[in-house]
PDB file of all heavy atoms in Angstrom:
ATOM      1  N   GLN A   1       0.849  -1.181   0.006  1.00  0.00           N
ATOM      2  CA  GLN A   1      -0.006   0.001  -0.008  1.00  0.00           C
ATOM      3  C   GLN A   1       0.891   1.250   0.002  1.00  0.00           C
ATOM      4  O   GLN A   1       1.971   1.233   0.552  1.00  0.00           O
ATOM      5  CB  GLN A   1      -0.915   0.013   1.232  1.00  0.00           C
ATOM      6  CG  GLN A   1      -1.820  -1.199   1.335  1.00  0.00           C
ATOM      7  CD  GLN A   1      -2.843  -1.233   0.239  1.00  0.00           C
ATOM      8  OE1 GLN A   1      -3.398  -0.204  -0.148  1.00  0.00           O
ATOM      9  NE2 GLN A   1      -3.102  -2.411  -0.287  1.00  0.00           N
ATOM     10  N   LYS A   2       0.394   2.321  -0.616  1.00  0.00           N
ATOM     11  CA  LYS A   2       1.150   3.563  -0.594  1.00  0.00           C
ATOM     12  C   LYS A   2       1.163   4.147   0.814  1.00  0.00           C
ATOM     13  O   LYS A   2       0.194   4.047   1.547  1.00  0.00           O
ATOM     14  CB  LYS A   2       0.523   4.578  -1.559  1.00  0.00           C
ATOM     15  CG  LYS A   2       0.782   4.271  -3.028  1.00  0.00           C
ATOM     16  CD  LYS A   2       0.447   5.439  -3.920  1.00  0.00           C
ATOM     17  CE  LYS A   2       0.888   5.169  -5.367  1.00  0.00           C
ATOM     18  NZ  LYS A   2       0.657   6.337  -6.238  1.00  0.00           N
ATOM     19  N   THR A   3       2.308   4.713   1.155  1.00  0.00           N
ATOM     20  CA  THR A   3       2.456   5.287   2.481  1.00  0.00           C
ATOM     21  C   THR A   3       1.863   6.697   2.501  1.00  0.00           C
ATOM     22  O   THR A   3       1.654   7.305   1.441  1.00  0.00           O
ATOM     23  CB  THR A   3       3.944   5.367   2.863  1.00  0.00           C
ATOM     24  OG1 THR A   3       4.577   6.317   1.977  1.00  0.00           O
ATOM     25  CG2 THR A   3       4.607   4.011   2.721  1.00  0.00           C
ATOM     26  N   PRO A   4       1.583   7.240   3.680  1.00  0.00           N
ATOM     27  CA  PRO A   4       1.068   8.611   3.756  1.00  0.00           C
ATOM     28  C   PRO A   4       1.989   9.622   3.073  1.00  0.00           C
ATOM     29  O   PRO A   4       1.524  10.571   2.438  1.00  0.00           O
ATOM     30  CB  PRO A   4       0.965   8.864   5.263  1.00  0.00           C
ATOM     31  CG  PRO A   4       0.797   7.513   5.872  1.00  0.00           C
ATOM     32  CD  PRO A   4       1.603   6.588   5.002  1.00  0.00           C
ATOM     33  N   ASN A   5       3.304   9.424   3.212  1.00  0.00           N
ATOM     34  CA  ASN A   5       4.247  10.326   2.567  1.00  0.00           C
ATOM     35  C   ASN A   5       4.118  10.279   1.060  1.00  0.00           C
ATOM     36  O   ASN A   5       4.127  11.311   0.369  1.00  0.00           O
ATOM     37  CB  ASN A   5       5.670   9.953   3.001  1.00  0.00           C
ATOM     38  CG  ASN A   5       6.694  10.985   2.548  1.00  0.00           C
ATOM     39  OD1 ASN A   5       7.013  11.061   1.361  1.00  0.00           O
ATOM     40  ND2 ASN A   5       7.214  11.733   3.493  1.00  0.00           N
ATOM     41  N   GLU A   6       3.989   9.071   0.513  1.00  0.00           N
ATOM     42  CA  GLU A   6       3.813   8.917  -0.936  1.00  0.00           C
ATOM     43  C   GLU A   6       2.506   9.553  -1.385  1.00  0.00           C
ATOM     44  O   GLU A   6       2.455  10.208  -2.438  1.00  0.00           O
ATOM     45  CB  GLU A   6       3.807   7.441  -1.308  1.00  0.00           C
ATOM     46  CG  GLU A   6       5.177   6.807  -1.448  1.00  0.00           C
ATOM     47  CD  GLU A   6       5.058   5.370  -1.914  1.00  0.00           C
ATOM     48  OE1 GLU A   6       4.743   4.504  -1.082  1.00  0.00           O
ATOM     49  OE2 GLU A   6       5.258   5.118  -3.115  1.00  0.00           O
ATOM     50  N   ILE A   7       1.438   9.336  -0.630  1.00  0.00           N
ATOM     51  CA  ILE A   7       0.142   9.896  -0.999  1.00  0.00           C
ATOM     52  C   ILE A   7       0.211  11.419  -1.004  1.00  0.00           C
ATOM     53  O   ILE A   7      -0.291  12.084  -1.928  1.00  0.00           O
ATOM     54  CB  ILE A   7      -0.954   9.406  -0.022  1.00  0.00           C
ATOM     55  CG1 ILE A   7      -1.150   7.890  -0.177  1.00  0.00           C
ATOM     56  CG2 ILE A   7      -2.270  10.137  -0.274  1.00  0.00           C
ATOM     57  CD1 ILE A   7      -2.072   7.286   0.856  1.00  0.00           C
ATOM     58  N   ALA A   8       0.849  11.997   0.028  1.00  0.00           N
ATOM     59  CA  ALA A   8       1.002  13.441   0.075  1.00  0.00           C
ATOM     60  C   ALA A   8       1.795  13.972  -1.109  1.00  0.00           C
ATOM     61  O   ALA A   8       1.447  15.003  -1.710  1.00  0.00           O
ATOM     62  CB  ALA A   8       1.657  13.848   1.395  1.00  0.00           C
ATOM     63  N   LEU A   9       2.864  13.257  -1.443  1.00  0.00           N
ATOM     64  CA  LEU A   9       3.682  13.687  -2.584  1.00  0.00           C
ATOM     65  C   LEU A   9       2.921  13.537  -3.889  1.00  0.00           C
ATOM     66  O   LEU A   9       3.055  14.360  -4.799  1.00  0.00           O
ATOM     67  CB  LEU A   9       4.993  12.894  -2.609  1.00  0.00           C
ATOM     68  CG  LEU A   9       6.112  13.417  -3.518  1.00  0.00           C
ATOM     69  CD1 LEU A   9       6.382  14.890  -3.276  1.00  0.00           C
ATOM     70  CD2 LEU A   9       7.396  12.624  -3.299  1.00  0.00           C
ATOM     71  N   ASP A  10       2.118  12.482  -3.985  1.00  0.00           N
ATOM     72  CA  ASP A  10       1.275  12.294  -5.174  1.00  0.00           C
ATOM     73  C   ASP A  10       0.322  13.485  -5.352  1.00  0.00           C
ATOM     74  O   ASP A  10       0.131  14.001  -6.456  1.00  0.00           O
ATOM     75  CB  ASP A  10       0.457  11.010  -5.065  1.00  0.00           C
ATOM     76  CG  ASP A  10       1.179   9.813  -5.675  1.00  0.00           C
ATOM     77  OD1 ASP A  10       2.061  10.038  -6.529  1.00  0.00           O
ATOM     78  OD2 ASP A  10       0.857   8.671  -5.292  1.00  0.00           O
ATOM     79  N   ILE A  11      -0.264  13.927  -4.234  1.00  0.00           N
ATOM     80  CA  ILE A  11      -1.184  15.071  -4.266  1.00  0.00           C
ATOM     81  C   ILE A  11      -0.441  16.329  -4.715  1.00  0.00           C
ATOM     82  O   ILE A  11      -0.940  17.123  -5.533  1.00  0.00           O
ATOM     83  CB  ILE A  11      -1.856  15.257  -2.910  1.00  0.00           C
ATOM     84  CG1 ILE A  11      -2.756  14.058  -2.587  1.00  0.00           C
ATOM     85  CG2 ILE A  11      -2.648  16.568  -2.889  1.00  0.00           C
ATOM     86  CD1 ILE A  11      -3.309  14.082  -1.190  1.00  0.00           C
ATOM     87  N   LEU A  12       0.781  16.524  -4.182  1.00  0.00           N
ATOM     88  CA  LEU A  12       1.581  17.682  -4.565  1.00  0.00           C
ATOM     89  C   LEU A  12       1.892  17.659  -6.066  1.00  0.00           C
ATOM     90  O   LEU A  12       1.746  18.676  -6.756  1.00  0.00           O
ATOM     91  CB  LEU A  12       2.876  17.703  -3.758  1.00  0.00           C
ATOM     92  CG  LEU A  12       3.907  18.768  -4.163  1.00  0.00           C
ATOM     93  CD1 LEU A  12       3.346  20.167  -3.937  1.00  0.00           C
ATOM     94  CD2 LEU A  12       5.214  18.584  -3.397  1.00  0.00           C
ATOM     95  N   LEU A  13       2.308  16.500  -6.568  1.00  0.00           N
ATOM     96  CA  LEU A  13       2.657  16.387  -7.986  1.00  0.00           C
ATOM     97  C   LEU A  13       1.432  16.588  -8.863  1.00  0.00           C
ATOM     98  O   LEU A  13       1.505  17.225  -9.932  1.00  0.00           O
ATOM     99  CB  LEU A  13       3.285  15.020  -8.260  1.00  0.00           C
ATOM    100  CG  LEU A  13       4.592  14.723  -7.532  1.00  0.00           C
ATOM    101  CD1 LEU A  13       5.122  13.349  -7.931  1.00  0.00           C
ATOM    102  CD2 LEU A  13       5.636  15.791  -7.811  1.00  0.00           C
ATOM    103  N   ALA A  14       0.279  16.043  -8.438  1.00  0.00           N
ATOM    104  CA  ALA A  14      -0.945  16.254  -9.213  1.00  0.00           C
ATOM    105  C   ALA A  14      -1.327  17.727  -9.238  1.00  0.00           C
ATOM    106  O   ALA A  14      -1.736  18.269 -10.277  1.00  0.00           O
ATOM    107  CB  ALA A  14      -2.075  15.417  -8.614  1.00  0.00           C
ATOM    108  N   GLY A  15      -1.165  18.397  -8.075  1.00  0.00           N
ATOM    109  CA  GLY A  15      -1.474  19.828  -8.025  1.00  0.00           C
ATOM    110  C   GLY A  15      -0.559  20.645  -8.922  1.00  0.00           C
ATOM    111  O   GLY A  15      -1.031  21.547  -9.644  1.00  0.00           O
ATOM    112  N   MET A  16       0.741  20.321  -8.922  1.00  0.00           N
ATOM    113  CA  MET A  16       1.659  21.037  -9.804  1.00  0.00           C
ATOM    114  C   MET A  16       1.342  20.788 -11.272  1.00  0.00           C
ATOM    115  O   MET A  16       1.444  21.691 -12.116  1.00  0.00           O
ATOM    116  CB  MET A  16       3.095  20.603  -9.496  1.00  0.00           C
ATOM    117  CG  MET A  16       3.608  21.007  -8.116  1.00  0.00           C
ATOM    118  SD  MET A  16       5.289  20.433  -7.787  1.00  0.00           S
ATOM    119  CE  MET A  16       6.218  21.386  -8.997  1.00  0.00           C
ATOM    120  N   THR A  17       0.918  19.574 -11.580  1.00  0.00           N
ATOM    121  CA  THR A  17       0.555  19.253 -12.961  1.00  0.00           C
ATOM    122  C   THR A  17      -0.645  20.082 -13.411  1.00  0.00           C
ATOM    123  O   THR A  17      -0.672  20.602 -14.522  1.00  0.00           O
ATOM    124  CB  THR A  17       0.244  17.735 -13.078  1.00  0.00           C
ATOM    125  OG1 THR A  17       1.394  16.994 -12.690  1.00  0.00           O
ATOM    126  CG2 THR A  17      -0.129  17.380 -14.513  1.00  0.00           C
ATOM    127  N   ILE A  18      -1.651  20.188 -12.535  1.00  0.00           N
ATOM    128  CA  ILE A  18      -2.837  20.983 -12.882  1.00  0.00           C
ATOM    129  C   ILE A  18      -2.474  22.440 -13.077  1.00  0.00           C
ATOM    130  O   ILE A  18      -2.952  23.111 -14.017  1.00  0.00           O
ATOM    131  CB  ILE A  18      -3.906  20.813 -11.772  1.00  0.00           C
ATOM    132  CG1 ILE A  18      -4.427  19.382 -11.766  1.00  0.00           C
ATOM    133  CG2 ILE A  18      -5.047  21.804 -11.987  1.00  0.00           C
ATOM    134  CD1 ILE A  18      -5.341  19.058 -10.593  1.00  0.00           C
ATOM    135  N   ILE A  19      -1.614  22.950 -12.186  1.00  0.00           N
ATOM    136  CA  ILE A  19      -1.206  24.372 -12.288  1.00  0.00           C
ATOM    137  C   ILE A  19      -0.506  24.635 -13.624  1.00  0.00           C
ATOM    138  O   ILE A  19      -0.818  25.620 -14.331  1.00  0.00           O
ATOM    139  CB  ILE A  19      -0.286  24.749 -11.111  1.00  0.00           C
ATOM    140  CG1 ILE A  19      -1.091  24.760  -9.805  1.00  0.00           C
ATOM    141  CG2 ILE A  19       0.380  26.109 -11.347  1.00  0.00           C
ATOM    142  CD1 ILE A  19      -0.247  24.923  -8.563  1.00  0.00           C
ATOM    143  N   PHE A  20       0.440  23.772 -14.002  1.00  0.00           N
ATOM    144  CA  PHE A  20       1.156  23.968 -15.262  1.00  0.00           C
ATOM    145  C   PHE A  20       0.247  23.737 -16.456  1.00  0.00           C
ATOM    146  O   PHE A  20       0.423  24.361 -17.515  1.00  0.00           O
ATOM    147  CB  PHE A  20       2.370  23.050 -15.328  1.00  0.00           C
ATOM    148  CG  PHE A  20       3.555  23.553 -14.539  1.00  0.00           C
ATOM    149  CD1 PHE A  20       4.053  22.841 -13.460  1.00  0.00           C
ATOM    150  CD2 PHE A  20       4.149  24.771 -14.867  1.00  0.00           C
ATOM    151  CE1 PHE A  20       5.141  23.310 -12.735  1.00  0.00           C
ATOM    152  CE2 PHE A  20       5.235  25.248 -14.134  1.00  0.00           C
ATOM    153  CZ  PHE A  20       5.730  24.513 -13.072  1.00  0.00           C
ATOM    154  N   LEU A  21      -0.733  22.847 -16.314  1.00  0.00           N
ATOM    155  CA  LEU A  21      -1.693  22.623 -17.398  1.00  0.00           C
ATOM    156  C   LEU A  21      -2.509  23.891 -17.671  1.00  0.00           C
ATOM    157  O   LEU A  21      -2.707  24.312 -18.812  1.00  0.00           O
ATOM    158  CB  LEU A  21      -2.618  21.451 -17.041  1.00  0.00           C
ATOM    159  CG  LEU A  21      -3.602  20.977 -18.110  1.00  0.00           C
ATOM    160  CD1 LEU A  21      -2.852  20.515 -19.349  1.00  0.00           C
ATOM    161  CD2 LEU A  21      -4.479  19.851 -17.571  1.00  0.00           C
ATOM    162  N   ILE A  22      -2.944  24.522 -16.574  1.00  0.00           N
ATOM    163  CA  ILE A  22      -3.682  25.781 -16.713  1.00  0.00           C
ATOM    164  C   ILE A  22      -2.779  26.868 -17.295  1.00  0.00           C
ATOM    165  O   ILE A  22      -3.189  27.655 -18.173  1.00  0.00           O
ATOM    166  CB  ILE A  22      -4.255  26.222 -15.348  1.00  0.00           C
ATOM    167  CG1 ILE A  22      -5.297  25.204 -14.877  1.00  0.00           C
ATOM    168  CG2 ILE A  22      -4.855  27.625 -15.441  1.00  0.00           C
ATOM    169  CD1 ILE A  22      -5.786  25.447 -13.457  1.00  0.00           C
ATOM    170  N   ALA A  23      -1.532  26.903 -16.801  1.00  0.00           N
ATOM    171  CA  ALA A  23      -0.608  27.939 -17.278  1.00  0.00           C
ATOM    172  C   ALA A  23      -0.333  27.794 -18.771  1.00  0.00           C
ATOM    173  O   ALA A  23      -0.309  28.786 -19.517  1.00  0.00           O
ATOM    174  CB  ALA A  23       0.711  27.846 -16.500  1.00  0.00           C
ATOM    175  N   VAL A  24      -0.114  26.576 -19.241  1.00  0.00           N
ATOM    176  CA  VAL A  24       0.155  26.362 -20.666  1.00  0.00           C
ATOM    177  C   VAL A  24      -1.065  26.684 -21.499  1.00  0.00           C
ATOM    178  O   VAL A  24      -0.952  27.263 -22.594  1.00  0.00           O
ATOM    179  CB  VAL A  24       0.624  24.902 -20.888  1.00  0.00           C
ATOM    180  CG1 VAL A  24       0.679  24.571 -22.375  1.00  0.00           C
ATOM    181  CG2 VAL A  24       1.981  24.663 -20.252  1.00  0.00           C
ATOM    182  N   ALA A  25      -2.247  26.335 -20.984  1.00  0.00           N
ATOM    183  CA  ALA A  25      -3.471  26.623 -21.738  1.00  0.00           C
ATOM    184  C   ALA A  25      -3.681  28.128 -21.909  1.00  0.00           C
ATOM    185  O   ALA A  25      -4.114  28.597 -22.977  1.00  0.00           O
ATOM    186  CB  ALA A  25      -4.678  26.007 -21.022  1.00  0.00           C
ATOM    187  N   THR A  26      -3.357  28.895 -20.867  1.00  0.00           N
ATOM    188  CA  THR A  26      -3.542  30.342 -20.963  1.00  0.00           C
ATOM    189  C   THR A  26      -2.512  30.991 -21.883  1.00  0.00           C
ATOM    190  O   THR A  26      -2.716  32.109 -22.363  1.00  0.00           O
ATOM    191  CB  THR A  26      -3.431  30.979 -19.575  1.00  0.00           C
ATOM    192  OG1 THR A  26      -2.162  30.661 -18.998  1.00  0.00           O
ATOM    193  CG2 THR A  26      -4.541  30.481 -18.663  1.00  0.00           C
ATOM    194  N   LEU A  27      -1.390  30.293 -22.157  1.00  0.00           N
ATOM    195  CA  LEU A  27      -0.390  30.842 -23.059  1.00  0.00           C
ATOM    196  C   LEU A  27      -0.916  30.985 -24.467  1.00  0.00           C
ATOM    197  O   LEU A  27      -0.407  31.810 -25.248  1.00  0.00           O
ATOM    198  CB  LEU A  27       0.869  29.965 -23.061  1.00  0.00           C
ATOM    199  CG  LEU A  27       1.786  30.083 -21.857  1.00  0.00           C
ATOM    200  CD1 LEU A  27       2.944  29.114 -21.968  1.00  0.00           C
ATOM    201  CD2 LEU A  27       2.316  31.508 -21.724  1.00  0.00           C
ATOM    202  N   VAL A  28      -1.912  30.151 -24.816  1.00  0.00           N
ATOM    203  CA  VAL A  28      -2.443  30.215 -26.189  1.00  0.00           C
ATOM    204  C   VAL A  28      -3.040  31.605 -26.434  1.00  0.00           C
ATOM    205  O   VAL A  28      -2.755  32.256 -27.425  1.00  0.00           O
ATOM    206  CB  VAL A  28      -3.517  29.132 -26.395  1.00  0.00           C
ATOM    207  CG1 VAL A  28      -4.143  29.266 -27.789  1.00  0.00           C
ATOM    208  CG2 VAL A  28      -2.903  27.754 -26.209  1.00  0.00           C
ATOM    209  N   GLY A  29      -3.880  32.064 -25.486  1.00  0.00           N
ATOM    210  CA  GLY A  29      -4.462  33.386 -25.644  1.00  0.00           C
ATOM    211  C   GLY A  29      -3.424  34.480 -25.553  1.00  0.00           C
ATOM    212  O   GLY A  29      -3.469  35.470 -26.315  1.00  0.00           O
ATOM    213  N   PHE A  30      -2.478  34.345 -24.646  1.00  0.00           N
ATOM    214  CA  PHE A  30      -1.425  35.343 -24.492  1.00  0.00           C
ATOM    215  C   PHE A  30      -0.607  35.470 -25.770  1.00  0.00           C
ATOM    216  O   PHE A  30      -0.294  36.591 -26.225  1.00  0.00           O
ATOM    217  CB  PHE A  30      -0.540  34.955 -23.308  1.00  0.00           C
ATOM    218  CG  PHE A  30       0.645  35.850 -23.102  1.00  0.00           C
ATOM    219  CD1 PHE A  30       0.481  37.118 -22.535  1.00  0.00           C
ATOM    220  CD2 PHE A  30       1.915  35.470 -23.493  1.00  0.00           C
ATOM    221  CE1 PHE A  30       1.560  37.949 -22.337  1.00  0.00           C
ATOM    222  CE2 PHE A  30       2.994  36.304 -23.308  1.00  0.00           C
ATOM    223  CZ  PHE A  30       2.825  37.550 -22.726  1.00  0.00           C
ATOM    224  N   ALA A  31      -0.246  34.326 -26.348  1.00  0.00           N
ATOM    225  CA  ALA A  31       0.572  34.343 -27.566  1.00  0.00           C
ATOM    226  C   ALA A  31      -0.236  34.871 -28.747  1.00  0.00           C
ATOM    227  O   ALA A  31       0.295  35.557 -29.622  1.00  0.00           O
ATOM    228  CB  ALA A  31       1.091  32.947 -27.849  1.00  0.00           C
ATOM    229  N   SER A  32      -1.535  34.557 -28.806  1.00  0.00           N
ATOM    230  CA  SER A  32      -2.367  35.051 -29.901  1.00  0.00           C
ATOM    231  C   SER A  32      -2.460  36.563 -29.863  1.00  0.00           C
ATOM    232  O   SER A  32      -2.484  37.243 -30.901  1.00  0.00           O
ATOM    233  CB  SER A  32      -3.776  34.433 -29.788  1.00  0.00           C
ATOM    234  OG  SER A  32      -3.710  33.035 -29.893  1.00  0.00           O
ATOM    235  N   TRP A  33      -2.507  37.106 -28.678  1.00  0.00           N
ATOM    236  CA  TRP A  33      -2.580  38.561 -28.536  1.00  0.00           C
ATOM    237  C   TRP A  33      -1.283  39.218 -28.973  1.00  0.00           C
ATOM    238  O   TRP A  33      -1.264  40.296 -29.534  1.00  0.00           O
ATOM    239  CB  TRP A  33      -2.886  38.880 -27.070  1.00  0.00           C
ATOM    240  CG  TRP A  33      -2.874  40.370 -26.765  1.00  0.00           C
ATOM    241  CD1 TRP A  33      -3.839  41.272 -27.049  1.00  0.00           C
ATOM    242  CD2 TRP A  33      -1.816  41.089 -26.135  1.00  0.00           C
ATOM    243  NE1 TRP A  33      -3.489  42.523 -26.631  1.00  0.00           N
ATOM    244  CE2 TRP A  33      -2.242  42.447 -26.058  1.00  0.00           C
ATOM    245  CE3 TRP A  33      -0.567  40.756 -25.626  1.00  0.00           C
ATOM    246  CZ2 TRP A  33      -1.453  43.442 -25.497  1.00  0.00           C
ATOM    247  CZ3 TRP A  33       0.212  41.736 -25.056  1.00  0.00           C
ATOM    248  CH2 TRP A  33      -0.242  43.074 -25.005  1.00  0.00           C
ATOM    249  N   GLY A  34      -0.173  38.536 -28.718  1.00  0.00           N
ATOM    250  CA  GLY A  34       1.130  39.124 -29.041  1.00  0.00           C
ATOM    251  C   GLY A  34       1.629  38.783 -30.428  1.00  0.00           C
ATOM    252  O   GLY A  34       2.612  39.343 -30.876  1.00  0.00           O
ATOM    253  N   GLY A  35       0.990  37.859 -31.095  1.00  0.00           N
ATOM    254  CA  GLY A  35       1.467  37.455 -32.429  1.00  0.00           C
ATOM    255  C   GLY A  35       0.950  36.066 -32.770  1.00  0.00           C
ATOM    256  O   GLY A  35      -0.129  35.674 -32.338  1.00  0.00           O
ATOM    257  N   GLU A  36       1.726  35.301 -33.502  1.00  0.00           N
ATOM    258  CA  GLU A  36       1.310  33.976 -33.934  1.00  0.00           C
ATOM    259  C   GLU A  36       1.405  33.001 -32.754  1.00  0.00           C
ATOM    260  O   GLU A  36       2.455  32.899 -32.101  1.00  0.00           O
ATOM    261  CB  GLU A  36       2.216  33.470 -35.059  1.00  0.00           C
ATOM    262  CG  GLU A  36       1.815  32.097 -35.571  1.00  0.00           C
ATOM    263  CD  GLU A  36       2.743  31.624 -36.692  1.00  0.00           C
ATOM    264  OE1 GLU A  36       3.604  32.409 -37.095  1.00  0.00           O
ATOM    265  OE2 GLU A  36       2.598  30.462 -37.106  1.00  0.00           O
ATOM    266  N   PRO A  37       0.294  32.287 -32.429  1.00  0.00           N
ATOM    267  CA  PRO A  37       0.330  31.361 -31.294  1.00  0.00           C
ATOM    268  C   PRO A  37       1.173  30.127 -31.610  1.00  0.00           C
ATOM    269  O   PRO A  37       1.294  29.736 -32.755  1.00  0.00           O
ATOM    270  CB  PRO A  37      -1.158  30.978 -31.127  1.00  0.00           C
ATOM    271  CG  PRO A  37      -1.735  31.139 -32.493  1.00  0.00           C
ATOM    272  CD  PRO A  37      -1.020  32.300 -33.109  1.00  0.00           C
ATOM    273  N   PRO A  38       1.799  29.531 -30.610  1.00  0.00           N
ATOM    274  CA  PRO A  38       2.591  28.324 -30.836  1.00  0.00           C
ATOM    275  C   PRO A  38       1.702  27.146 -31.192  1.00  0.00           C
ATOM    276  O   PRO A  38       0.531  27.122 -30.854  1.00  0.00           O
ATOM    277  CB  PRO A  38       3.299  28.106 -29.488  1.00  0.00           C
ATOM    278  CG  PRO A  38       2.413  28.775 -28.473  1.00  0.00           C
ATOM    279  CD  PRO A  38       1.813  29.956 -29.201  1.00  0.00           C
ATOM    280  N   SER A  39       2.293  26.169 -31.848  1.00  0.00           N
ATOM    281  CA  SER A  39       1.513  24.987 -32.250  1.00  0.00           C
ATOM    282  C   SER A  39       1.187  24.131 -31.026  1.00  0.00           C
ATOM    283  O   SER A  39       1.791  24.257 -29.960  1.00  0.00           O
ATOM    284  CB  SER A  39       2.312  24.173 -33.250  1.00  0.00           C
ATOM    285  OG  SER A  39       3.466  23.617 -32.622  1.00  0.00           O
TER     286      SER A  39
END
């Protein structure tokens, strides 16, 4: 079974993944405003 430490770290990694997912998604609009959006 996963230990409490592993579970806590899993939650941290999942949270960081969601944050970067949101950040990358918002870059599309930011780049479109400044010029050609990335692929």
